[in-house]
Amino acid sequence: MASSFYVYYRVAPEAEATARRRVLTLLEQIRSQSGVHGRLLRMRGESQLWMEVYEHVQDDTRFEAILSAGVRELALDEVLQHGGSRRVECFEDFTPCA
């Protein structure tokens, strides 16, 4: 069963350019290591609220390890708003097969 991961957080305004570079690097690392193509979104009208979306993940455990390692390596906590954190939500696809 495939899963989708949604990671959301608030970026510090003064770190936006650095955050974008680091997250785009993370997306590329994840794609090269897992084959999962992620996307980076930001909330309309609230540009400091960002979301990474990773869909069709087949191996949750491996994916989570790759994601966690990349977040540590790229020091993504450094670009978050003061006191903020990255929130990870995972949803399983349970659409009936045709």
N, C-alpha and C. Protein backbone atom coordinates (compact mmCIF):
# COMPACT_ATOMS: atom_id res chain seq x y z
N MET A 1 0.85 -1.18 0.00
CA MET A 1 0.00 0.00 0.00
C MET A 1 0.90 1.24 0.00
N ALA A 2 0.64 2.16 -0.87
CA ALA A 2 1.43 3.39 -0.98
C ALA A 2 1.00 4.41 0.07
N SER A 3 1.96 5.21 0.47
CA SER A 3 1.70 6.28 1.43
C SER A 3 2.07 7.63 0.84
N SER A 4 1.52 8.67 1.43
CA SER A 4 1.88 10.04 1.08
C SER A 4 2.31 10.75 2.36
N PHE A 5 3.40 11.48 2.28
CA PHE A 5 3.92 12.23 3.41
C PHE A 5 3.72 13.72 3.16
N TYR A 6 3.26 14.40 4.19
CA TYR A 6 3.05 15.85 4.15
C TYR A 6 3.84 16.44 5.31
N VAL A 7 4.77 17.32 5.00
CA VAL A 7 5.63 17.92 6.01
C VAL A 7 5.41 19.42 5.96
N TYR A 8 4.97 20.00 7.08
CA TYR A 8 4.70 21.43 7.07
C TYR A 8 5.40 22.11 8.23
N TYR A 9 5.70 23.41 8.00
CA TYR A 9 6.50 24.18 8.95
C TYR A 9 6.47 25.65 8.54
N ARG A 10 6.88 26.49 9.45
CA ARG A 10 6.99 27.92 9.17
C ARG A 10 8.46 28.31 9.07
N VAL A 11 8.78 28.98 7.99
CA VAL A 11 10.15 29.42 7.74
C VAL A 11 10.34 30.83 8.29
N ALA A 12 11.50 31.07 8.90
CA ALA A 12 11.82 32.42 9.37
C ALA A 12 11.94 33.35 8.16
N PRO A 13 11.30 34.52 8.20
CA PRO A 13 11.33 35.42 7.03
C PRO A 13 12.75 35.75 6.56
N GLU A 14 13.66 35.93 7.49
CA GLU A 14 15.03 36.31 7.12
C GLU A 14 15.82 35.13 6.53
N ALA A 15 15.28 33.92 6.63
CA ALA A 15 15.97 32.72 6.14
C ALA A 15 15.31 32.11 4.91
N GLU A 16 14.39 32.83 4.31
CA GLU A 16 13.61 32.24 3.22
C GLU A 16 14.48 31.76 2.06
N ALA A 17 15.44 32.55 1.60
CA ALA A 17 16.28 32.16 0.47
C ALA A 17 17.11 30.93 0.81
N THR A 18 17.68 30.92 1.99
CA THR A 18 18.47 29.76 2.44
C THR A 18 17.58 28.54 2.57
N ALA A 19 16.41 28.71 3.14
CA ALA A 19 15.47 27.60 3.32
C ALA A 19 15.10 27.00 1.97
N ARG A 20 14.82 27.83 1.01
CA ARG A 20 14.41 27.33 -0.31
C ARG A 20 15.53 26.51 -0.94
N ARG A 21 16.76 27.01 -0.87
CA ARG A 21 17.90 26.26 -1.43
C ARG A 21 18.04 24.91 -0.74
N ARG A 22 17.95 24.92 0.57
CA ARG A 22 18.13 23.67 1.33
C ARG A 22 17.02 22.67 1.06
N VAL A 23 15.80 23.14 0.99
CA VAL A 23 14.68 22.23 0.75
C VAL A 23 14.74 21.67 -0.67
N LEU A 24 15.09 22.50 -1.64
CA LEU A 24 15.22 21.98 -3.01
C LEU A 24 16.33 20.94 -3.10
N THR A 25 17.42 21.14 -2.34
CA THR A 25 18.48 20.14 -2.26
C THR A 25 17.94 18.86 -1.64
N LEU A 26 17.15 18.99 -0.57
CA LEU A 26 16.53 17.83 0.07
C LEU A 26 15.66 17.06 -0.91
N LEU A 27 14.82 17.77 -1.67
CA LEU A 27 13.95 17.11 -2.65
C LEU A 27 14.78 16.31 -3.65
N GLU A 28 15.89 16.87 -4.09
CA GLU A 28 16.75 16.18 -5.06
C GLU A 28 17.41 14.96 -4.41
N GLN A 29 17.87 15.10 -3.18
CA GLN A 29 18.48 13.96 -2.49
C GLN A 29 17.47 12.82 -2.34
N ILE A 30 16.27 13.16 -1.94
CA ILE A 30 15.23 12.15 -1.75
C ILE A 30 14.90 11.47 -3.07
N ARG A 31 14.79 12.26 -4.14
CA ARG A 31 14.51 11.68 -5.46
C ARG A 31 15.61 10.72 -5.88
N SER A 32 16.87 11.12 -5.69
CA SER A 32 17.97 10.27 -6.14
C SER A 32 18.13 9.03 -5.28
N GLN A 33 17.78 9.10 -4.00
CA GLN A 33 17.95 7.96 -3.10
C GLN A 33 16.74 7.03 -3.03
N SER A 34 15.56 7.56 -3.32
CA SER A 34 14.35 6.74 -3.17
C SER A 34 13.49 6.66 -4.42
N GLY A 35 13.71 7.56 -5.37
CA GLY A 35 12.86 7.59 -6.55
C GLY A 35 11.57 8.36 -6.35
N VAL A 36 11.36 8.89 -5.13
CA VAL A 36 10.14 9.64 -4.82
C VAL A 36 10.34 11.10 -5.21
N HIS A 37 9.45 11.62 -6.03
CA HIS A 37 9.52 13.01 -6.47
C HIS A 37 8.67 13.86 -5.53
N GLY A 38 9.34 14.71 -4.75
CA GLY A 38 8.63 15.59 -3.82
C GLY A 38 8.33 16.93 -4.45
N ARG A 39 7.41 17.65 -3.81
CA ARG A 39 7.06 19.01 -4.24
C ARG A 39 7.14 19.93 -3.04
N LEU A 40 7.46 21.19 -3.30
CA LEU A 40 7.48 22.21 -2.27
C LEU A 40 6.36 23.20 -2.54
N LEU A 41 5.51 23.40 -1.55
CA LEU A 41 4.38 24.32 -1.66
C LEU A 41 4.49 25.37 -0.55
N ARG A 42 3.83 26.48 -0.76
CA ARG A 42 3.67 27.44 0.33
C ARG A 42 2.21 27.90 0.33
N MET A 43 1.74 28.26 1.51
CA MET A 43 0.33 28.59 1.64
C MET A 43 0.04 29.95 0.99
N ARG A 44 -1.01 29.97 0.21
CA ARG A 44 -1.44 31.22 -0.40
C ARG A 44 -1.86 32.19 0.71
N GLY A 45 -1.31 33.39 0.68
CA GLY A 45 -1.65 34.40 1.66
C GLY A 45 -0.87 34.30 2.96
N GLU A 46 -0.07 33.26 3.09
CA GLU A 46 0.75 33.08 4.29
C GLU A 46 2.07 32.45 3.86
N SER A 47 2.92 33.26 3.23
CA SER A 47 4.09 32.75 2.51
C SER A 47 5.15 32.10 3.38
N GLN A 48 5.07 32.23 4.69
CA GLN A 48 6.07 31.59 5.55
C GLN A 48 5.67 30.16 5.93
N LEU A 49 4.45 29.75 5.60
CA LEU A 49 4.00 28.39 5.88
C LEU A 49 4.25 27.53 4.64
N TRP A 50 5.17 26.60 4.78
CA TRP A 50 5.59 25.75 3.67
C TRP A 50 5.16 24.31 3.91
N MET A 51 5.05 23.57 2.78
CA MET A 51 4.73 22.15 2.87
C MET A 51 5.50 21.39 1.80
N GLU A 52 6.10 20.29 2.23
CA GLU A 52 6.70 19.34 1.30
C GLU A 52 5.70 18.20 1.14
N VAL A 53 5.52 17.74 -0.08
CA VAL A 53 4.59 16.66 -0.36
C VAL A 53 5.35 15.55 -1.08
N TYR A 54 5.25 14.35 -0.52
CA TYR A 54 5.89 13.17 -1.10
C TYR A 54 4.81 12.11 -1.26
N GLU A 55 4.48 11.77 -2.52
CA GLU A 55 3.40 10.82 -2.77
C GLU A 55 3.93 9.53 -3.36
N HIS A 56 3.10 8.49 -3.26
CA HIS A 56 3.41 7.17 -3.83
C HIS A 56 4.67 6.57 -3.22
N VAL A 57 4.84 6.74 -1.90
CA VAL A 57 5.97 6.16 -1.19
C VAL A 57 5.65 4.68 -0.94
N GLN A 58 6.51 3.79 -1.41
CA GLN A 58 6.27 2.35 -1.28
C GLN A 58 6.89 1.76 -0.01
N ASP A 59 8.02 2.30 0.44
CA ASP A 59 8.72 1.79 1.61
C ASP A 59 8.81 2.91 2.65
N ASP A 60 7.82 2.97 3.53
CA ASP A 60 7.74 4.05 4.52
C ASP A 60 8.98 4.13 5.40
N THR A 61 9.44 3.00 5.88
CA THR A 61 10.57 2.99 6.81
C THR A 61 11.83 3.55 6.15
N ARG A 62 12.12 3.08 4.97
CA ARG A 62 13.31 3.57 4.24
C ARG A 62 13.15 5.04 3.91
N PHE A 63 11.97 5.43 3.45
CA PHE A 63 11.74 6.83 3.11
C PHE A 63 11.95 7.74 4.33
N GLU A 64 11.38 7.36 5.47
CA GLU A 64 11.51 8.18 6.68
C GLU A 64 12.97 8.32 7.10
N ALA A 65 13.75 7.26 6.93
CA ALA A 65 15.18 7.33 7.27
C ALA A 65 15.91 8.29 6.34
N ILE A 66 15.60 8.24 5.05
CA ILE A 66 16.23 9.15 4.08
C ILE A 66 15.83 10.59 4.38
N LEU A 67 14.55 10.81 4.64
CA LEU A 67 14.05 12.15 4.95
C LEU A 67 14.74 12.70 6.21
N SER A 68 14.77 11.92 7.26
CA SER A 68 15.38 12.37 8.53
C SER A 68 16.86 12.69 8.36
N ALA A 69 17.57 11.84 7.64
CA ALA A 69 19.00 12.07 7.42
C ALA A 69 19.22 13.36 6.64
N GLY A 70 18.41 13.59 5.62
CA GLY A 70 18.54 14.81 4.82
C GLY A 70 18.25 16.06 5.63
N VAL A 71 17.23 16.01 6.46
CA VAL A 71 16.86 17.15 7.30
C VAL A 71 18.01 17.50 8.24
N ARG A 72 18.61 16.46 8.84
CA ARG A 72 19.76 16.70 9.73
C ARG A 72 20.95 17.26 8.96
N GLU A 73 21.28 16.62 7.85
CA GLU A 73 22.44 17.01 7.05
C GLU A 73 22.33 18.45 6.57
N LEU A 74 21.15 18.85 6.16
CA LEU A 74 20.95 20.20 5.61
C LEU A 74 20.57 21.23 6.67
N ALA A 75 20.52 20.80 7.93
CA ALA A 75 20.24 21.69 9.07
C ALA A 75 18.97 22.51 8.84
N LEU A 76 17.91 21.83 8.46
CA LEU A 76 16.67 22.55 8.15
C LEU A 76 16.04 23.20 9.38
N ASP A 77 16.33 22.70 10.57
CA ASP A 77 15.78 23.35 11.77
C ASP A 77 16.30 24.77 11.94
N GLU A 78 17.46 25.07 11.36
CA GLU A 78 18.05 26.41 11.46
C GLU A 78 17.26 27.48 10.72
N VAL A 79 16.43 27.10 9.78
CA VAL A 79 15.71 28.09 8.96
C VAL A 79 14.25 28.25 9.37
N LEU A 80 13.86 27.56 10.43
CA LEU A 80 12.48 27.64 10.90
C LEU A 80 12.27 28.86 11.77
N GLN A 81 11.02 29.29 11.87
CA GLN A 81 10.69 30.37 12.79
C GLN A 81 11.05 29.95 14.20
N HIS A 82 11.40 30.91 15.01
CA HIS A 82 11.80 30.65 16.40
C HIS A 82 10.74 29.80 17.11
N GLY A 83 11.19 28.70 17.69
CA GLY A 83 10.28 27.82 18.42
C GLY A 83 9.48 26.87 17.53
N GLY A 84 9.68 26.95 16.23
CA GLY A 84 8.92 26.11 15.30
C GLY A 84 9.56 24.75 15.10
N SER A 85 8.81 23.87 14.47
CA SER A 85 9.31 22.54 14.16
C SER A 85 8.66 22.05 12.87
N ARG A 86 9.28 21.05 12.29
CA ARG A 86 8.72 20.39 11.10
C ARG A 86 7.73 19.34 11.58
N ARG A 87 6.54 19.36 11.02
CA ARG A 87 5.48 18.40 11.38
C ARG A 87 5.30 17.44 10.21
N VAL A 88 5.40 16.17 10.49
CA VAL A 88 5.28 15.15 9.44
C VAL A 88 3.98 14.38 9.66
N GLU A 89 3.18 14.31 8.61
CA GLU A 89 1.94 13.52 8.62
C GLU A 89 2.03 12.51 7.49
N CYS A 90 1.60 11.30 7.74
CA CYS A 90 1.65 10.24 6.73
C CYS A 90 0.24 9.68 6.54
N PHE A 91 -0.20 9.62 5.29
CA PHE A 91 -1.51 9.09 4.95
C PHE A 91 -1.33 7.90 4.01
N GLU A 92 -2.11 6.85 4.25
CA GLU A 92 -2.10 5.68 3.39
C GLU A 92 -3.22 5.78 2.37
N ASP A 93 -2.94 5.35 1.16
CA ASP A 93 -3.95 5.33 0.10
C ASP A 93 -4.84 4.10 0.32
N PHE A 94 -6.12 4.33 0.47
CA PHE A 94 -7.03 3.19 0.57
C PHE A 94 -8.17 3.29 -0.43
N THR A 95 -7.86 3.91 -1.57
CA THR A 95 -8.82 3.96 -2.68
C THR A 95 -8.98 2.53 -3.22
N PRO A 96 -10.21 2.09 -3.42
CA PRO A 96 -10.40 0.73 -3.95
C PRO A 96 -9.80 0.58 -5.34
N CYS A 97 -9.23 -0.56 -5.61
CA CYS A 97 -8.69 -0.84 -6.94
C CYS A 97 -9.84 -1.07 -7.91
N ALA A 98 -9.63 -0.66 -9.14
CA ALA A 98 -10.69 -0.83 -10.16
C ALA A 98 -10.75 -2.25 -10.66
